[in-house]
Amino acid sequence: MFYKLTKEQHEQMIEEIQYFFSSERDEELSEFAAERVLAFIKESIAPHFYNMAVSDAKIVIEQQMMSMEEEILVLVQRLHLFERGIWIANGICSYAAIPNN
C-alpha cells in the first residue's frame, strides 16, 4: 500500500524514530537507518492498522445505516396509520375524520 507523506511528515517521523532508538535503546540511528525502519513500518505494520481502521469505519457506517433505516420505517408506519385516519403521537392514539373525495 502506498502512503503519500508530505516532506514535513516524513522528516518528523524520521526524527521520532531516531529519538525512540536513542531514548529507549541507547542507539544512535543514522537518517538512512531511520528511513529503513520507516519503510518497514509502512510496508509491514501500517497495513494492519489501516485495515483495522477501515473495519471500524465500516461498523460505524453500518450502525448509522441501521439507525436511518429505523427512522425511515417509523415515518412509513406513521404515514400508513395517518392514511387510515389514525394518528399516534407520543404514545397517544387519536382518530381523525378522513374526507371522502
N, C-alpha and C. Protein backbone atom coordinates (compact mmCIF):
# COMPACT_ATOMS: atom_id res chain seq x y z
N MET A 1 0.85 -1.17 0.00
CA MET A 1 0.00 0.00 0.00
C MET A 1 0.90 1.23 0.00
N PHE A 2 0.55 2.22 -0.76
CA PHE A 2 1.37 3.42 -0.90
C PHE A 2 0.81 4.54 -0.05
N TYR A 3 1.65 5.09 0.80
CA TYR A 3 1.26 6.21 1.64
C TYR A 3 1.99 7.45 1.16
N LYS A 4 1.25 8.48 0.87
CA LYS A 4 1.84 9.74 0.40
C LYS A 4 2.00 10.65 1.61
N LEU A 5 3.23 10.83 2.03
CA LEU A 5 3.53 11.70 3.16
C LEU A 5 4.10 13.01 2.62
N THR A 6 3.79 14.08 3.33
CA THR A 6 4.43 15.34 3.00
C THR A 6 5.89 15.27 3.45
N LYS A 7 6.69 16.17 2.93
CA LYS A 7 8.11 16.21 3.32
C LYS A 7 8.23 16.43 4.83
N GLU A 8 7.36 17.31 5.36
CA GLU A 8 7.40 17.61 6.80
C GLU A 8 7.02 16.38 7.63
N GLN A 9 5.99 15.65 7.20
CA GLN A 9 5.59 14.43 7.91
C GLN A 9 6.72 13.40 7.90
N HIS A 10 7.32 13.23 6.74
CA HIS A 10 8.41 12.26 6.59
C HIS A 10 9.57 12.62 7.52
N GLU A 11 9.97 13.89 7.51
CA GLU A 11 11.07 14.33 8.37
C GLU A 11 10.74 14.16 9.84
N GLN A 12 9.50 14.47 10.22
CA GLN A 12 9.10 14.32 11.62
C GLN A 12 9.14 12.85 12.04
N MET A 13 8.69 11.96 11.18
CA MET A 13 8.71 10.53 11.51
C MET A 13 10.14 10.02 11.65
N ILE A 14 11.01 10.45 10.78
CA ILE A 14 12.43 10.05 10.86
C ILE A 14 13.01 10.52 12.20
N GLU A 15 12.72 11.77 12.58
CA GLU A 15 13.21 12.29 13.86
C GLU A 15 12.64 11.51 15.03
N GLU A 16 11.37 11.14 14.96
CA GLU A 16 10.75 10.38 16.05
C GLU A 16 11.35 8.99 16.16
N ILE A 17 11.65 8.37 15.04
CA ILE A 17 12.29 7.05 15.07
C ILE A 17 13.68 7.16 15.68
N GLN A 18 14.43 8.17 15.26
CA GLN A 18 15.77 8.37 15.82
C GLN A 18 15.70 8.64 17.32
N TYR A 19 14.73 9.45 17.74
CA TYR A 19 14.58 9.74 19.17
C TYR A 19 14.22 8.47 19.94
N PHE A 20 13.31 7.67 19.39
CA PHE A 20 12.92 6.42 20.05
C PHE A 20 14.12 5.52 20.27
N PHE A 21 14.90 5.30 19.21
CA PHE A 21 16.07 4.42 19.35
C PHE A 21 17.08 4.98 20.34
N SER A 22 17.22 6.29 20.35
CA SER A 22 18.16 6.92 21.27
C SER A 22 17.69 6.80 22.71
N SER A 23 16.42 7.10 22.96
CA SER A 23 15.93 7.12 24.35
C SER A 23 15.60 5.73 24.88
N GLU A 24 15.14 4.83 24.05
CA GLU A 24 14.71 3.50 24.51
C GLU A 24 15.81 2.45 24.41
N ARG A 25 16.70 2.61 23.45
CA ARG A 25 17.70 1.56 23.20
C ARG A 25 19.14 2.07 23.31
N ASP A 26 19.29 3.35 23.61
CA ASP A 26 20.63 3.95 23.67
C ASP A 26 21.43 3.71 22.40
N GLU A 27 20.73 3.79 21.26
CA GLU A 27 21.39 3.62 19.95
C GLU A 27 21.21 4.89 19.14
N GLU A 28 22.28 5.32 18.53
CA GLU A 28 22.20 6.45 17.62
C GLU A 28 21.92 5.89 16.23
N LEU A 29 20.81 6.29 15.65
CA LEU A 29 20.40 5.78 14.35
C LEU A 29 20.65 6.85 13.29
N SER A 30 21.31 6.45 12.22
CA SER A 30 21.53 7.40 11.12
C SER A 30 20.20 7.69 10.43
N GLU A 31 20.18 8.75 9.65
CA GLU A 31 18.96 9.08 8.91
C GLU A 31 18.59 7.95 7.96
N PHE A 32 19.61 7.35 7.32
CA PHE A 32 19.35 6.24 6.40
C PHE A 32 18.72 5.05 7.14
N ALA A 33 19.26 4.71 8.30
CA ALA A 33 18.72 3.59 9.08
C ALA A 33 17.29 3.89 9.54
N ALA A 34 17.04 5.12 9.94
CA ALA A 34 15.70 5.50 10.36
C ALA A 34 14.73 5.42 9.19
N GLU A 35 15.19 5.76 7.99
CA GLU A 35 14.34 5.64 6.81
C GLU A 35 14.01 4.19 6.51
N ARG A 36 14.95 3.29 6.75
CA ARG A 36 14.69 1.85 6.55
C ARG A 36 13.64 1.36 7.56
N VAL A 37 13.74 1.83 8.80
CA VAL A 37 12.74 1.47 9.81
C VAL A 37 11.36 1.99 9.39
N LEU A 38 11.31 3.24 8.93
CA LEU A 38 10.04 3.82 8.48
C LEU A 38 9.47 3.03 7.30
N ALA A 39 10.33 2.66 6.35
CA ALA A 39 9.88 1.87 5.20
C ALA A 39 9.31 0.52 5.66
N PHE A 40 9.96 -0.11 6.63
CA PHE A 40 9.47 -1.38 7.17
C PHE A 40 8.10 -1.20 7.81
N ILE A 41 7.96 -0.15 8.61
CA ILE A 41 6.68 0.10 9.27
C ILE A 41 5.59 0.33 8.23
N LYS A 42 5.87 1.15 7.23
CA LYS A 42 4.87 1.45 6.19
C LYS A 42 4.48 0.20 5.41
N GLU A 43 5.44 -0.66 5.12
CA GLU A 43 5.17 -1.83 4.29
C GLU A 43 4.58 -3.00 5.08
N SER A 44 5.02 -3.18 6.31
CA SER A 44 4.67 -4.40 7.04
C SER A 44 3.66 -4.20 8.17
N ILE A 45 3.72 -3.08 8.84
CA ILE A 45 2.90 -2.89 10.04
C ILE A 45 1.70 -1.98 9.78
N ALA A 46 1.91 -0.88 9.09
CA ALA A 46 0.84 0.09 8.86
C ALA A 46 -0.40 -0.51 8.20
N PRO A 47 -0.27 -1.44 7.24
CA PRO A 47 -1.48 -2.00 6.62
C PRO A 47 -2.42 -2.68 7.62
N HIS A 48 -1.87 -3.25 8.68
CA HIS A 48 -2.72 -3.86 9.71
C HIS A 48 -3.57 -2.80 10.41
N PHE A 49 -2.95 -1.68 10.76
CA PHE A 49 -3.69 -0.59 11.39
C PHE A 49 -4.70 0.03 10.43
N TYR A 50 -4.29 0.14 9.17
CA TYR A 50 -5.20 0.68 8.15
C TYR A 50 -6.44 -0.21 8.03
N ASN A 51 -6.23 -1.52 7.94
CA ASN A 51 -7.37 -2.44 7.81
C ASN A 51 -8.27 -2.41 9.04
N MET A 52 -7.67 -2.26 10.22
CA MET A 52 -8.48 -2.15 11.43
C MET A 52 -9.31 -0.88 11.40
N ALA A 53 -8.74 0.22 10.93
CA ALA A 53 -9.47 1.49 10.85
C ALA A 53 -10.61 1.39 9.84
N VAL A 54 -10.37 0.74 8.71
CA VAL A 54 -11.42 0.56 7.71
C VAL A 54 -12.55 -0.29 8.30
N SER A 55 -12.19 -1.34 9.02
CA SER A 55 -13.19 -2.20 9.65
C SER A 55 -14.01 -1.42 10.67
N ASP A 56 -13.35 -0.59 11.48
CA ASP A 56 -14.07 0.23 12.45
C ASP A 56 -15.01 1.21 11.75
N ALA A 57 -14.54 1.83 10.68
CA ALA A 57 -15.37 2.77 9.93
C ALA A 57 -16.58 2.06 9.33
N LYS A 58 -16.38 0.85 8.84
CA LYS A 58 -17.47 0.06 8.27
C LYS A 58 -18.54 -0.21 9.32
N ILE A 59 -18.13 -0.55 10.52
CA ILE A 59 -19.08 -0.82 11.61
C ILE A 59 -19.88 0.44 11.94
N VAL A 60 -19.21 1.57 12.03
CA VAL A 60 -19.90 2.83 12.33
C VAL A 60 -20.91 3.16 11.24
N ILE A 61 -20.51 3.01 9.99
CA ILE A 61 -21.41 3.31 8.87
C ILE A 61 -22.60 2.35 8.87
N GLU A 62 -22.36 1.07 9.15
CA GLU A 62 -23.46 0.10 9.21
C GLU A 62 -24.44 0.46 10.32
N GLN A 63 -23.93 0.89 11.48
CA GLN A 63 -24.80 1.29 12.59
C GLN A 63 -25.62 2.52 12.21
N GLN A 64 -25.00 3.47 11.54
CA GLN A 64 -25.72 4.67 11.11
C GLN A 64 -26.78 4.32 10.08
N MET A 65 -26.47 3.40 9.18
CA MET A 65 -27.44 2.99 8.17
C MET A 65 -28.63 2.29 8.83
N MET A 66 -28.38 1.44 9.83
CA MET A 66 -29.47 0.77 10.54
C MET A 66 -30.35 1.79 11.25
N SER A 67 -29.72 2.80 11.86
CA SER A 67 -30.47 3.83 12.55
C SER A 67 -31.33 4.62 11.56
N MET A 68 -30.75 4.95 10.40
CA MET A 68 -31.51 5.68 9.39
C MET A 68 -32.66 4.82 8.87
N GLU A 69 -32.42 3.53 8.70
CA GLU A 69 -33.48 2.64 8.23
C GLU A 69 -34.62 2.58 9.25
N GLU A 70 -34.27 2.52 10.53
CA GLU A 70 -35.30 2.52 11.57
C GLU A 70 -36.11 3.81 11.54
N GLU A 71 -35.43 4.94 11.37
CA GLU A 71 -36.13 6.23 11.29
C GLU A 71 -37.06 6.27 10.09
N ILE A 72 -36.61 5.75 8.97
CA ILE A 72 -37.45 5.73 7.77
C ILE A 72 -38.66 4.84 7.98
N LEU A 73 -38.47 3.69 8.63
CA LEU A 73 -39.60 2.80 8.89
C LEU A 73 -40.61 3.45 9.82
N VAL A 74 -40.13 4.21 10.80
CA VAL A 74 -41.04 4.93 11.70
C VAL A 74 -41.89 5.90 10.89
N LEU A 75 -41.27 6.62 9.97
CA LEU A 75 -42.02 7.56 9.14
C LEU A 75 -43.03 6.85 8.26
N VAL A 76 -42.64 5.73 7.68
CA VAL A 76 -43.55 4.98 6.82
C VAL A 76 -44.73 4.47 7.62
N GLN A 77 -44.52 3.96 8.81
CA GLN A 77 -45.61 3.46 9.63
C GLN A 77 -46.56 4.59 10.03
N ARG A 78 -46.00 5.73 10.40
CA ARG A 78 -46.86 6.86 10.76
C ARG A 78 -47.70 7.29 9.57
N LEU A 79 -47.12 7.34 8.40
CA LEU A 79 -47.85 7.72 7.20
C LEU A 79 -48.98 6.72 6.94
N HIS A 80 -48.70 5.44 7.08
CA HIS A 80 -49.70 4.41 6.85
C HIS A 80 -50.88 4.57 7.82
N LEU A 81 -50.57 4.79 9.08
CA LEU A 81 -51.63 4.98 10.08
C LEU A 81 -52.40 6.27 9.79
N PHE A 82 -51.71 7.32 9.39
CA PHE A 82 -52.37 8.59 9.11
C PHE A 82 -53.34 8.45 7.94
N GLU A 83 -52.97 7.65 6.94
CA GLU A 83 -53.86 7.45 5.80
C GLU A 83 -55.16 6.77 6.21
N ARG A 84 -55.15 5.99 7.28
CA ARG A 84 -56.37 5.33 7.76
C ARG A 84 -57.13 6.20 8.75
N GLY A 85 -56.67 7.43 8.99
CA GLY A 85 -57.35 8.33 9.91
C GLY A 85 -56.93 8.15 11.35
N ILE A 86 -55.85 7.45 11.58
CA ILE A 86 -55.35 7.23 12.94
C ILE A 86 -54.00 7.94 13.03
N TRP A 87 -53.83 8.71 14.06
CA TRP A 87 -52.57 9.41 14.27
C TRP A 87 -52.06 9.07 15.65
N ILE A 88 -50.84 8.63 15.72
CA ILE A 88 -50.23 8.30 17.00
C ILE A 88 -49.05 9.24 17.21
N ALA A 89 -49.11 9.99 18.29
CA ALA A 89 -48.02 10.89 18.63
C ALA A 89 -47.77 10.78 20.12
N ASN A 90 -46.54 10.60 20.50
CA ASN A 90 -46.15 10.47 21.92
C ASN A 90 -46.97 9.39 22.62
N GLY A 91 -47.27 8.30 21.93
CA GLY A 91 -47.98 7.19 22.54
C GLY A 91 -49.47 7.39 22.67
N ILE A 92 -50.01 8.53 22.21
CA ILE A 92 -51.44 8.81 22.31
C ILE A 92 -52.06 8.61 20.94
N CYS A 93 -53.09 7.79 20.89
CA CYS A 93 -53.74 7.48 19.64
C CYS A 93 -54.95 8.39 19.48
N SER A 94 -55.08 9.05 18.33
CA SER A 94 -56.25 9.86 18.05
C SER A 94 -56.77 9.50 16.67
N TYR A 95 -58.03 9.73 16.51
CA TYR A 95 -58.68 9.41 15.23
C TYR A 95 -59.11 10.70 14.57
N ALA A 96 -58.95 10.74 13.27
CA ALA A 96 -59.35 11.93 12.53
C ALA A 96 -60.27 11.49 11.40
N ALA A 97 -61.21 12.33 11.12
CA ALA A 97 -62.11 12.03 10.02
C ALA A 97 -61.38 12.26 8.72
N ILE A 98 -61.47 11.31 7.81
CA ILE A 98 -60.84 11.44 6.51
C ILE A 98 -61.93 11.87 5.55
N PRO A 99 -61.72 13.00 4.90
CA PRO A 99 -62.75 13.46 3.96
C PRO A 99 -62.86 12.51 2.77
N ASN A 100 -64.08 12.28 2.36
CA ASN A 100 -64.31 11.44 1.16
C ASN A 100 -64.24 12.32 -0.06
N ASN A 101 -63.46 11.97 -0.99
CA ASN A 101 -63.35 12.76 -2.22
C ASN A 101 -64.22 12.17 -3.30
